[in-house]
N, C-alpha and C. Protein backbone atom coordinates (compact mmCIF):
# COMPACT_ATOMS: atom_id res chain seq x y z
N UNK A 1 315.93 73.97 118.91
CA UNK A 1 316.18 72.68 119.51
C UNK A 1 317.63 72.64 119.95
N UNK A 2 317.91 71.97 121.08
CA UNK A 2 319.25 71.97 121.63
C UNK A 2 320.12 70.83 121.15
N UNK A 3 319.58 69.88 120.39
CA UNK A 3 320.37 68.77 119.90
C UNK A 3 320.53 67.65 120.91
N UNK A 4 319.82 67.72 122.04
CA UNK A 4 319.91 66.67 123.04
C UNK A 4 319.19 65.42 122.54
N UNK A 5 319.73 64.23 122.84
CA UNK A 5 319.05 63.00 122.42
C UNK A 5 317.78 62.77 123.22
N UNK A 6 316.83 62.07 122.60
CA UNK A 6 315.61 61.69 123.30
C UNK A 6 315.98 60.69 124.40
N UNK A 7 315.24 60.70 125.49
CA UNK A 7 315.52 59.83 126.62
C UNK A 7 314.45 58.76 126.76
N UNK A 8 314.82 57.62 127.34
CA UNK A 8 313.80 56.63 127.65
C UNK A 8 312.83 57.20 128.70
N UNK A 9 311.67 56.60 128.81
CA UNK A 9 310.66 57.06 129.78
C UNK A 9 311.25 57.08 131.18
N UNK A 10 310.79 58.03 131.97
CA UNK A 10 311.13 58.16 133.40
C UNK A 10 312.60 58.43 133.66
N UNK A 11 313.28 59.11 132.75
CA UNK A 11 314.68 59.45 132.97
C UNK A 11 314.88 60.94 132.76
N UNK A 12 315.29 61.63 133.81
CA UNK A 12 315.54 63.06 133.75
C UNK A 12 316.78 63.33 132.89
N UNK A 13 316.78 64.47 132.20
CA UNK A 13 317.94 64.88 131.40
C UNK A 13 318.97 65.53 132.31
N UNK A 14 320.11 64.91 132.52
CA UNK A 14 321.14 65.56 133.35
C UNK A 14 321.51 66.91 132.76
N UNK A 15 321.57 67.91 133.61
CA UNK A 15 321.95 69.24 133.16
C UNK A 15 320.84 70.05 132.53
N UNK A 16 319.60 69.55 132.56
CA UNK A 16 318.49 70.30 131.97
C UNK A 16 318.15 71.51 132.84
N UNK A 17 317.76 71.27 134.08
CA UNK A 17 317.48 72.35 135.01
C UNK A 17 316.19 73.12 134.77
N UNK A 18 315.38 72.72 133.80
CA UNK A 18 314.16 73.47 133.49
C UNK A 18 313.23 73.54 134.70
N UNK A 19 313.14 72.48 135.47
CA UNK A 19 312.24 72.47 136.63
C UNK A 19 312.77 73.34 137.77
N UNK A 20 314.02 73.81 137.65
CA UNK A 20 314.61 74.70 138.65
C UNK A 20 314.62 76.15 138.18
N UNK A 21 314.04 76.39 137.01
CA UNK A 21 314.00 77.73 136.43
C UNK A 21 312.56 78.16 136.15
N UNK A 22 311.83 77.35 135.40
CA UNK A 22 310.51 77.76 134.89
C UNK A 22 309.43 77.95 135.96
N UNK A 23 309.27 77.04 136.92
CA UNK A 23 308.16 77.22 137.86
C UNK A 23 308.49 78.16 139.00
N UNK A 24 307.43 78.72 139.58
CA UNK A 24 307.61 79.46 140.83
C UNK A 24 307.67 78.44 141.96
N UNK A 25 308.37 78.78 143.02
CA UNK A 25 308.45 77.93 144.21
C UNK A 25 308.15 78.84 145.39
N UNK A 26 307.08 78.53 146.10
CA UNK A 26 306.67 79.42 147.20
C UNK A 26 307.33 79.08 148.53
N UNK A 27 307.88 77.89 148.66
CA UNK A 27 308.54 77.52 149.91
C UNK A 27 309.98 78.02 149.93
N UNK A 28 310.52 78.15 151.12
CA UNK A 28 311.89 78.63 151.29
C UNK A 28 312.88 77.64 150.69
N UNK A 29 313.92 78.20 150.10
CA UNK A 29 315.03 77.44 149.54
C UNK A 29 316.28 78.03 150.19
N UNK A 30 317.26 77.22 150.61
CA UNK A 30 318.48 77.82 151.14
C UNK A 30 319.06 78.83 150.15
N UNK A 31 319.22 80.06 150.60
CA UNK A 31 319.69 81.14 149.74
C UNK A 31 318.57 81.94 149.10
N UNK A 32 317.34 81.43 149.20
CA UNK A 32 316.15 82.12 148.68
C UNK A 32 315.02 81.93 149.71
N UNK A 33 315.08 82.64 150.81
CA UNK A 33 314.14 82.39 151.91
C UNK A 33 312.67 82.63 151.57
N UNK A 34 312.40 83.40 150.53
CA UNK A 34 311.02 83.65 150.11
C UNK A 34 310.62 82.81 148.90
N UNK A 35 311.40 81.79 148.58
CA UNK A 35 311.13 81.00 147.39
C UNK A 35 311.64 81.74 146.16
N UNK A 36 311.08 81.40 145.00
CA UNK A 36 311.52 82.06 143.76
C UNK A 36 310.36 82.24 142.80
N UNK A 37 310.37 83.32 142.05
CA UNK A 37 309.33 83.52 141.04
C UNK A 37 309.59 82.66 139.80
N UNK A 38 308.57 82.45 139.02
CA UNK A 38 308.69 81.71 137.77
C UNK A 38 309.71 82.39 136.85
N UNK A 39 310.50 81.59 136.18
CA UNK A 39 311.46 82.12 135.23
C UNK A 39 312.78 82.55 135.83
N UNK A 40 312.90 82.48 137.15
CA UNK A 40 314.13 82.86 137.83
C UNK A 40 314.91 81.59 138.17
N UNK A 41 316.17 81.60 137.86
CA UNK A 41 317.04 80.46 138.13
C UNK A 41 317.22 80.30 139.65
N UNK A 42 317.02 79.09 140.16
CA UNK A 42 317.24 78.81 141.58
C UNK A 42 318.71 78.97 141.90
N UNK A 43 319.02 79.57 143.05
CA UNK A 43 320.41 79.75 143.44
C UNK A 43 321.11 78.42 143.71
N UNK A 44 320.34 77.37 143.91
CA UNK A 44 320.92 76.06 144.17
C UNK A 44 321.20 75.27 142.88
N UNK A 45 320.94 75.84 141.75
CA UNK A 45 321.24 75.21 140.47
C UNK A 45 322.67 75.57 140.10
N UNK A 46 323.52 74.56 139.99
CA UNK A 46 324.94 74.84 139.73
C UNK A 46 325.19 75.17 138.25
N UNK A 47 326.41 75.53 137.89
CA UNK A 47 326.70 75.90 136.50
C UNK A 47 326.41 74.80 135.48
N UNK A 48 326.40 73.54 135.93
CA UNK A 48 326.09 72.42 135.04
C UNK A 48 324.59 72.11 135.04
N UNK A 49 323.79 73.00 135.64
CA UNK A 49 322.33 72.83 135.75
C UNK A 49 321.95 71.59 136.55
N UNK A 50 322.69 71.34 137.61
CA UNK A 50 322.38 70.25 138.54
C UNK A 50 322.06 70.86 139.90
N UNK A 51 321.12 70.25 140.61
CA UNK A 51 320.71 70.76 141.92
C UNK A 51 321.75 70.46 142.98
N UNK A 52 322.20 71.50 143.65
CA UNK A 52 323.17 71.33 144.75
C UNK A 52 322.52 70.67 145.97
N UNK A 53 321.19 70.70 146.05
CA UNK A 53 320.48 70.16 147.21
C UNK A 53 319.92 68.76 146.97
N UNK A 54 320.20 68.17 145.83
CA UNK A 54 319.65 66.84 145.53
C UNK A 54 320.08 65.87 146.62
N UNK A 55 319.10 65.22 147.26
CA UNK A 55 319.37 64.29 148.35
C UNK A 55 319.60 64.95 149.70
N UNK A 56 319.55 66.26 149.75
CA UNK A 56 319.77 67.02 150.99
C UNK A 56 318.41 67.26 151.66
N UNK A 57 318.30 67.06 152.96
CA UNK A 57 317.01 67.28 153.62
C UNK A 57 316.52 68.73 153.56
N UNK A 58 317.39 69.67 153.24
CA UNK A 58 316.97 71.08 153.12
C UNK A 58 316.27 71.35 151.79
N UNK A 59 316.33 70.41 150.87
CA UNK A 59 315.67 70.59 149.56
C UNK A 59 314.17 70.68 149.78
N UNK A 60 313.51 71.70 149.21
CA UNK A 60 312.06 71.84 149.41
C UNK A 60 311.31 70.59 148.93
N UNK A 61 310.27 70.23 149.67
CA UNK A 61 309.47 69.05 149.33
C UNK A 61 308.91 69.15 147.92
N UNK A 62 308.50 70.34 147.50
CA UNK A 62 307.95 70.50 146.15
C UNK A 62 308.98 70.13 145.10
N UNK A 63 310.22 70.41 145.35
CA UNK A 63 311.28 70.06 144.40
C UNK A 63 311.50 68.54 144.39
N UNK A 64 311.49 67.95 145.56
CA UNK A 64 311.69 66.50 145.64
C UNK A 64 310.56 65.74 144.96
N UNK A 65 309.36 66.30 144.97
CA UNK A 65 308.20 65.63 144.34
C UNK A 65 308.14 65.83 142.83
N UNK A 66 308.84 66.82 142.32
CA UNK A 66 308.81 67.09 140.89
C UNK A 66 309.68 66.05 140.20
N UNK A 67 309.09 65.28 139.30
CA UNK A 67 309.87 64.25 138.63
C UNK A 67 309.67 64.33 137.11
N UNK A 68 310.56 63.70 136.41
CA UNK A 68 310.54 63.70 134.96
C UNK A 68 309.22 63.12 134.43
N UNK A 69 308.66 63.79 133.47
CA UNK A 69 307.47 63.31 132.78
C UNK A 69 307.69 63.59 131.30
N UNK A 70 307.69 62.54 130.49
CA UNK A 70 308.00 62.69 129.06
C UNK A 70 307.09 63.70 128.37
N UNK A 71 305.82 63.71 128.71
CA UNK A 71 304.89 64.64 128.07
C UNK A 71 305.19 66.09 128.46
N UNK A 72 305.50 66.32 129.72
CA UNK A 72 305.80 67.67 130.18
C UNK A 72 307.19 68.12 129.73
N UNK A 73 308.18 67.25 129.86
CA UNK A 73 309.55 67.64 129.58
C UNK A 73 309.91 67.62 128.10
N UNK A 74 309.12 66.95 127.29
CA UNK A 74 309.39 66.94 125.86
C UNK A 74 310.68 66.21 125.52
N UNK A 75 311.20 66.52 124.35
CA UNK A 75 312.38 65.82 123.87
C UNK A 75 313.69 66.58 124.07
N UNK A 76 313.59 67.81 124.58
CA UNK A 76 314.80 68.60 124.81
C UNK A 76 314.53 69.68 125.85
N UNK A 77 315.58 70.27 126.35
CA UNK A 77 315.50 71.26 127.43
C UNK A 77 314.61 72.44 127.08
N UNK A 78 314.71 72.94 125.85
CA UNK A 78 313.90 74.09 125.45
C UNK A 78 312.41 73.78 125.54
N UNK A 79 312.04 72.56 125.15
CA UNK A 79 310.63 72.15 125.26
C UNK A 79 310.21 72.11 126.71
N UNK A 80 311.07 71.59 127.57
CA UNK A 80 310.75 71.53 129.00
C UNK A 80 310.54 72.93 129.58
N UNK A 81 311.43 73.85 129.25
CA UNK A 81 311.29 75.22 129.74
C UNK A 81 309.97 75.84 129.28
N UNK A 82 309.65 75.66 128.00
CA UNK A 82 308.41 76.24 127.45
C UNK A 82 307.17 75.60 128.08
N UNK A 83 307.17 74.29 128.19
CA UNK A 83 305.98 73.59 128.70
C UNK A 83 305.77 73.85 130.19
N UNK A 84 306.83 73.85 130.96
CA UNK A 84 306.68 74.13 132.39
C UNK A 84 306.24 75.58 132.61
N UNK A 85 306.78 76.50 131.82
CA UNK A 85 306.37 77.91 131.91
C UNK A 85 304.90 78.06 131.55
N UNK A 86 304.44 77.36 130.52
CA UNK A 86 303.02 77.42 130.13
C UNK A 86 302.13 76.86 131.22
N UNK A 87 302.55 75.78 131.84
CA UNK A 87 301.79 75.20 132.94
C UNK A 87 301.73 76.16 134.12
N UNK A 88 302.84 76.83 134.39
CA UNK A 88 302.89 77.82 135.47
C UNK A 88 301.88 78.95 135.21
N UNK A 89 301.81 79.43 133.99
CA UNK A 89 300.87 80.50 133.65
C UNK A 89 299.43 80.05 133.75
N UNK A 90 299.18 78.78 133.48
CA UNK A 90 297.82 78.25 133.50
C UNK A 90 297.31 77.97 134.91
N UNK A 91 298.21 77.94 135.88
CA UNK A 91 297.79 77.61 137.26
C UNK A 91 297.90 78.79 138.19
């Protein structure tokens, strides 16, 4: 466990970045024209685990549609990484 506090519903954990690492993304991302495989850190994820493309029209639609879900993201970053990776394997 990472020691991160639990969040209220519908609030993303700043600096988590699990949704930018665990899933595969098949659409082009600036700097990753072929998308990215599951488990690979997106090149647009900065050192603080924040998306450099947040609010940018070049951000892939799949990324813009991915939002915080308490059940999927769990109570800490490690849970989010594990659960998103498991979902990726199941689909």
